[in-house]
Amino acid sequence: MGPLSRYDVNVLLYRLKKDAAFRDRFRRDPMDALRAAELSDDERDALVRWNPRRLNELGGSLHLLLSIPDLGAH
């Protein structure tokens, strides 16, 4: 596992919040949407499984996690 990348996690969370097309792509195929992201295995797994608690533990902004539209059912 590579170094934790809190900045990269939060950049992705911000993009999921603001970019509806990316959010739709992420919902359809999260692995593909995250392919180019520089994330640790743990971060990638938490995003793919959409585990907000784990993402927050890994440094993801709670505000961003709670404000991303339409991912609760992911």
Protein backbone atom coordinates (compact mmCIF):
# COMPACT_ATOMS: atom_id res chain seq x y z
CA MET A 1 0.00 0.00 0.00
CA GLY A 2 1.30 3.44 -0.94
CA PRO A 3 1.35 6.50 1.29
CA LEU A 4 -1.97 7.93 2.34
CA SER A 5 -3.10 10.71 0.05
CA ARG A 6 -5.53 12.84 2.06
CA TYR A 7 -5.32 15.62 -0.53
CA ASP A 8 -6.20 13.25 -3.39
CA VAL A 9 -9.14 11.79 -1.45
CA ASN A 10 -10.54 15.26 -0.81
CA VAL A 11 -9.99 16.33 -4.43
CA LEU A 12 -12.03 13.30 -5.51
CA LEU A 13 -14.74 14.00 -2.93
CA TYR A 14 -14.95 17.60 -4.13
CA ARG A 15 -15.18 16.43 -7.73
CA LEU A 16 -17.93 13.97 -6.80
CA LYS A 17 -19.80 16.83 -5.15
CA LYS A 18 -19.45 19.36 -7.97
CA ASP A 19 -19.16 17.33 -11.20
CA ALA A 20 -22.45 15.56 -11.99
CA ALA A 21 -21.00 13.73 -15.01
CA PHE A 22 -18.10 12.35 -12.95
CA ARG A 23 -20.53 11.41 -10.16
CA ASP A 24 -22.68 9.48 -12.66
CA ARG A 25 -19.59 7.75 -14.05
CA PHE A 26 -18.50 6.87 -10.51
CA ARG A 27 -21.93 5.41 -9.74
CA ARG A 28 -21.84 3.28 -12.91
CA ASP A 29 -18.24 2.06 -12.58
CA PRO A 30 -16.28 3.33 -9.58
CA MET A 31 -13.10 1.39 -10.44
CA ASP A 32 -12.98 2.96 -13.89
CA ALA A 33 -13.75 6.44 -12.54
CA LEU A 34 -10.87 6.13 -10.05
CA ARG A 35 -8.38 4.49 -12.40
CA ALA A 36 -6.08 7.52 -12.73
CA ALA A 37 -6.31 8.58 -9.07
CA GLU A 38 -3.21 8.22 -6.91
CA LEU A 39 -4.74 6.48 -3.92
CA SER A 40 -3.72 3.85 -1.42
CA ASP A 41 -5.46 0.49 -1.68
CA ASP A 42 -7.41 1.31 1.49
CA GLU A 43 -8.57 4.67 0.12
CA ARG A 44 -9.59 3.15 -3.20
CA ASP A 45 -11.50 0.36 -1.44
CA ALA A 46 -13.34 2.85 0.81
CA LEU A 47 -14.34 4.91 -2.22
CA VAL A 48 -15.42 1.93 -4.34
CA ARG A 49 -17.48 0.49 -1.47
CA TRP A 50 -18.64 4.03 -0.58
CA ASN A 51 -17.74 3.77 3.09
CA PRO A 52 -18.02 7.37 4.40
CA ARG A 53 -16.89 6.43 7.91
CA ARG A 54 -13.68 4.84 6.60
CA LEU A 55 -13.12 7.71 4.17
CA ASN A 56 -13.39 10.16 7.07
CA GLU A 57 -10.93 8.06 9.10
CA LEU A 58 -8.54 8.25 6.13
CA GLY A 59 -8.75 12.05 6.09
CA GLY A 60 -11.75 12.66 3.89
CA SER A 61 -13.58 15.85 4.78
CA LEU A 62 -16.77 15.08 6.69
CA HIS A 63 -18.39 18.16 5.14
CA LEU A 64 -17.68 16.85 1.63
CA LEU A 65 -18.79 13.33 2.49
CA LEU A 66 -22.13 14.60 3.77
CA SER A 67 -22.73 17.00 0.91
CA ILE A 68 -22.23 14.76 -2.14
CA PRO A 69 -25.63 14.36 -3.78
CA ASP A 70 -27.13 10.97 -4.56
CA LEU A 71 -24.38 8.69 -3.27
CA GLY A 72 -26.21 7.37 -0.25
CA ALA A 73 -27.61 4.48 -2.28
CA HIS A 74 -24.33 3.75 -4.09
